[in-house]
Amino acid sequence: MFTGIVEETGIVREAHDNGDGRRLVVGADVVLDDVAMGSSIAVDGCCLTVTGFGADDRGAWFAADAVPETIDRTTLGGTAEGDSVNLERPMPADGRFGGHIVQGHVDAVTELEAVHEHLDGSRRLAFRLPDALSGQIVEKGSVALDGISLTVAAVDGATFDIAVVPHTLEVTTLGCRVVGDRLNVEADILARYVAGLAAAGRLPDERTGGQGEHD
């Protein structure tokens, strides 16, 4: 489990298809403090397994393989050498819970549709609302974009807005995003469960306080 609090941004050193998906080699620092083979690291919100790591004259690095399903569902298929990516290790059992529950299982890909700059250095970003996440992204709810825990400022039809403070713009990749960029989206797991219960008719009935329809 992750929290959506990005620990650092890394630079993609290599990105190439390997026959069974796509292999990424990422230069990093903080997330490699306690790395081991098989460790999990979230790369732009995608939970990947470390398949190699080391250090050279360019600094420390780790390698991870993205399977075809991950390539199809996320932006990692288009990740290229030189790209910046958000990195986070899983939250330890005794760690602070600073964001919200992020599984590292991307639900869909969205597109940045508008950027509004504010005098205080913050920005309001408008994103396309993926059809599959209708009802799961709600005003004042949580959402993870490229692995960043954010609060939804507004939902308006086919778009949703995020208000981003200067610090987040500085320490994540959001600061360099432009209109047309594609980002990974993971809905809040609680919203996902509620939507699933509603679709199955298992939410309590407001009129009776009882359960919804069930077998």
Protein backbone atom coordinates (compact mmCIF):
# COMPACT_ATOMS: atom_id res chain seq x y z
CA MET A 1 0.00 0.00 0.00
CA PHE A 2 1.15 3.51 -0.85
CA THR A 3 -0.01 6.91 0.39
CA GLY A 4 0.41 9.13 -2.66
CA ILE A 5 3.10 11.20 -0.94
CA VAL A 6 5.85 11.22 -3.57
CA GLU A 7 9.30 10.68 -2.06
CA GLU A 8 11.27 11.90 -5.05
CA THR A 9 11.23 12.17 -8.82
CA GLY A 10 13.51 9.90 -10.80
CA ILE A 11 14.86 10.10 -14.33
CA VAL A 12 14.24 7.28 -16.78
CA ARG A 13 17.60 6.06 -18.07
CA GLU A 14 16.29 3.32 -20.33
CA ALA A 15 12.86 2.29 -21.60
CA HIS A 16 12.51 -0.52 -24.08
CA ASP A 17 10.24 -3.42 -24.97
CA ASN A 18 11.58 -6.77 -23.80
CA GLY A 19 9.19 -9.22 -25.42
CA ASP A 20 7.09 -9.69 -22.29
CA GLY A 21 6.26 -6.05 -21.67
CA ARG A 22 8.51 -3.07 -21.12
CA ARG A 23 11.67 -2.69 -19.07
CA LEU A 24 12.43 0.58 -17.28
CA VAL A 25 15.72 1.61 -15.72
CA VAL A 26 15.26 4.61 -13.45
CA GLY A 27 17.85 6.78 -11.74
CA ALA A 28 16.84 7.39 -8.13
CA ASP A 29 18.17 8.05 -4.65
CA VAL A 30 15.78 8.13 -1.69
CA VAL A 31 13.65 5.13 -2.69
CA LEU A 32 16.78 2.97 -2.96
CA ASP A 33 17.83 3.40 0.68
CA ASP A 34 16.52 -0.05 1.60
CA VAL A 35 15.92 -1.57 -1.83
CA ALA A 36 16.14 -5.32 -2.41
CA MET A 37 15.31 -7.65 -5.26
CA GLY A 38 11.54 -8.00 -5.35
CA SER A 39 10.87 -4.70 -3.58
CA SER A 40 7.88 -2.68 -4.75
CA ILE A 41 8.21 0.89 -5.99
CA ALA A 42 5.39 3.00 -7.39
CA VAL A 43 6.45 4.62 -10.67
CA ASP A 44 3.98 7.34 -11.70
CA GLY A 45 1.40 5.52 -9.60
CA CYS A 46 2.07 2.04 -11.01
CA CYS A 47 3.26 -0.55 -8.52
CA LEU A 48 6.29 -2.26 -10.08
CA THR A 49 8.64 -4.94 -8.79
CA VAL A 50 12.35 -4.23 -8.65
CA THR A 51 14.21 -6.71 -10.88
CA GLY A 52 17.66 -5.17 -10.54
CA PHE A 53 19.50 -2.26 -8.94
CA GLY A 54 22.98 -0.82 -8.65
CA ALA A 55 25.08 2.31 -8.97
CA ASP A 56 27.53 3.74 -11.48
CA ASP A 57 29.16 7.06 -12.32
CA ARG A 58 25.70 8.50 -13.02
CA GLY A 59 24.36 7.52 -9.59
CA ALA A 60 22.05 4.84 -8.22
CA TRP A 61 19.41 3.12 -10.34
CA PHE A 62 16.81 0.38 -10.31
CA ALA A 63 15.18 -1.71 -13.02
CA ALA A 64 11.57 -2.86 -13.20
CA ASP A 65 9.45 -4.65 -15.79
CA ALA A 66 5.93 -3.58 -16.74
CA VAL A 67 3.76 -6.46 -17.97
CA PRO A 68 1.48 -6.09 -21.03
CA GLU A 69 -1.63 -5.41 -18.92
CA THR A 70 0.18 -2.54 -17.19
CA ILE A 71 1.30 -1.17 -20.56
CA ASP A 72 -2.28 -1.29 -21.88
CA ARG A 73 -3.83 0.36 -18.82
CA THR A 74 -1.24 3.05 -18.00
CA THR A 75 1.06 5.62 -19.55
CA LEU A 76 4.18 3.49 -19.06
CA GLY A 77 4.05 2.28 -22.66
CA GLY A 78 4.96 5.80 -23.73
CA THR A 79 7.54 6.48 -21.04
CA ALA A 80 10.85 7.37 -22.68
CA GLU A 81 14.49 7.93 -21.77
CA GLY A 82 14.91 11.28 -20.00
CA ASP A 83 11.36 11.44 -18.63
CA SER A 84 10.81 12.39 -14.99
CA VAL A 85 8.67 10.00 -12.96
CA ASN A 86 7.18 10.13 -9.47
CA LEU A 87 8.54 7.52 -7.07
CA GLU A 88 7.27 6.16 -3.76
CA ARG A 89 8.02 3.10 -1.64
CA PRO A 90 5.19 1.22 0.12
CA MET A 91 4.20 2.67 3.48
CA PRO A 92 5.86 0.79 6.37
CA ALA A 93 3.65 -0.58 9.14
CA ASP A 94 4.93 2.08 11.55
CA GLY A 95 4.93 4.93 9.02
CA ARG A 96 2.85 8.11 8.99
CA PHE A 97 -0.23 8.01 6.82
CA GLY A 98 0.01 11.38 5.11
CA GLY A 99 -2.10 11.04 1.98
CA HIS A 100 -4.78 8.43 1.26
CA ILE A 101 -4.80 4.71 0.50
CA VAL A 102 -3.19 4.19 -2.90
CA GLN A 103 -2.83 0.63 -4.16
CA GLY A 104 -0.64 1.32 -7.16
CA HIS A 105 -3.28 -0.25 -9.43
CA VAL A 106 -4.07 2.33 -12.10
CA ASP A 107 -7.72 2.44 -13.15
CA ALA A 108 -7.50 4.58 -16.28
CA VAL A 109 -5.58 7.28 -18.10
CA THR A 110 -6.74 10.89 -18.20
CA GLU A 111 -5.70 13.93 -20.22
CA LEU A 112 -4.87 17.40 -18.91
CA GLU A 113 -7.33 19.78 -20.58
CA ALA A 114 -6.60 23.16 -18.96
CA VAL A 115 -4.11 24.88 -16.66
CA HIS A 116 -5.00 28.00 -14.67
CA GLU A 117 -2.16 29.86 -12.94
CA HIS A 118 -2.79 31.78 -9.70
CA LEU A 119 -0.84 34.71 -8.27
CA ASP A 120 0.24 32.70 -5.22
CA GLY A 121 1.99 30.15 -7.43
CA SER A 122 -0.69 27.50 -7.17
CA ARG A 123 -2.48 26.06 -10.17
CA ARG A 124 -5.91 24.68 -10.94
CA LEU A 125 -5.75 21.79 -13.37
CA ALA A 126 -8.71 20.42 -15.31
CA PHE A 127 -8.68 16.78 -16.43
CA ARG A 128 -10.93 14.65 -18.58
CA LEU A 129 -13.08 12.35 -16.44
CA PRO A 130 -12.69 8.77 -17.73
CA ASP A 131 -16.06 7.11 -18.34
CA ALA A 132 -15.02 4.11 -16.25
CA LEU A 133 -14.55 6.35 -13.20
CA SER A 134 -17.83 8.24 -13.37
CA GLY A 135 -19.22 8.33 -9.83
CA GLN A 136 -15.88 7.33 -8.30
CA ILE A 137 -14.27 10.76 -8.57
CA VAL A 138 -16.27 13.17 -6.45
CA GLU A 139 -15.86 16.72 -5.16
CA LYS A 140 -13.69 16.86 -2.01
CA GLY A 141 -12.78 13.21 -2.49
CA SER A 142 -9.29 11.84 -3.02
CA VAL A 143 -7.70 10.76 -6.28
CA ALA A 144 -4.19 9.71 -7.27
CA LEU A 145 -2.74 11.23 -10.43
CA ASP A 146 0.59 9.74 -11.51
CA GLY A 147 0.84 8.45 -7.94
CA ILE A 148 0.22 11.84 -6.29
CA SER A 149 -2.47 12.02 -3.60
CA LEU A 150 -4.73 14.96 -4.46
CA THR A 151 -8.11 16.34 -3.47
CA VAL A 152 -10.77 16.85 -6.12
CA ALA A 153 -11.77 20.53 -6.18
CA ALA A 154 -14.76 20.14 -8.50
CA VAL A 155 -16.46 17.75 -10.91
CA ASP A 156 -18.24 19.27 -13.88
CA GLY A 157 -19.72 16.85 -16.36
CA ALA A 158 -16.89 15.23 -18.27
CA THR A 159 -14.07 16.99 -16.38
CA PHE A 160 -12.71 17.23 -12.86
CA ASP A 161 -10.49 19.91 -11.34
CA ILE A 162 -7.54 19.67 -8.97
CA ALA A 163 -6.09 22.60 -7.01
CA VAL A 164 -2.33 22.13 -6.62
CA VAL A 165 -0.19 24.06 -4.11
CA PRO A 166 3.31 25.31 -5.07
CA HIS A 167 5.09 22.67 -2.95
CA THR A 168 3.42 19.80 -4.82
CA LEU A 169 4.25 21.43 -8.14
CA GLU A 170 7.88 21.66 -7.06
CA VAL A 171 8.46 18.14 -5.70
CA THR A 172 6.44 16.14 -8.26
CA THR A 173 6.09 16.03 -12.02
CA LEU A 174 2.88 18.09 -11.95
CA GLY A 175 4.91 21.28 -12.20
CA CYS A 176 5.99 20.45 -15.75
CA ARG A 177 2.68 19.13 -17.06
CA VAL A 178 1.10 20.88 -20.05
CA VAL A 179 -2.26 20.65 -21.80
CA GLY A 180 -2.53 17.39 -23.71
CA ASP A 181 -0.34 15.38 -21.33
CA ARG A 182 -1.69 11.98 -20.24
CA LEU A 183 -1.61 10.90 -16.59
CA ASN A 184 -2.41 7.72 -14.68
CA VAL A 185 -5.53 7.81 -12.51
CA GLU A 186 -6.39 5.67 -9.51
CA ALA A 187 -9.74 6.32 -7.85
CA ASP A 188 -10.02 6.31 -4.07
CA ILE A 189 -10.52 2.69 -3.01
CA LEU A 190 -13.41 3.68 -0.71
CA ALA A 191 -15.21 5.39 -3.60
CA ARG A 192 -14.59 2.30 -5.72
CA TYR A 193 -16.15 0.02 -3.10
CA VAL A 194 -19.17 2.28 -2.67
CA ALA A 195 -19.70 2.40 -6.44
CA GLY A 196 -19.48 -1.39 -6.56
CA LEU A 197 -22.00 -1.80 -3.76
CA ALA A 198 -24.35 0.67 -5.42
CA ALA A 199 -24.13 -1.16 -8.74
CA ALA A 200 -24.95 -4.42 -6.95
CA GLY A 201 -27.87 -2.86 -5.07
CA ARG A 202 -26.24 -3.53 -1.71
CA LEU A 203 -26.22 -0.06 -0.19
CA PRO A 204 -28.60 0.65 2.75
CA ASP A 205 -32.02 1.91 1.69
CA GLU A 206 -32.44 5.54 2.83
CA ARG A 207 -36.17 5.07 3.30
CA THR A 208 -36.00 2.05 5.58
CA GLY A 209 -32.45 2.03 6.90
CA GLY A 210 -32.27 -1.56 5.68
CA GLN A 211 -30.09 -3.23 3.11
CA GLY A 212 -30.50 -2.83 -0.59
CA GLU A 213 -31.49 -5.67 -2.86
CA HIS A 214 -29.40 -8.78 -2.45
CA ASP A 215 -29.53 -12.48 -3.02
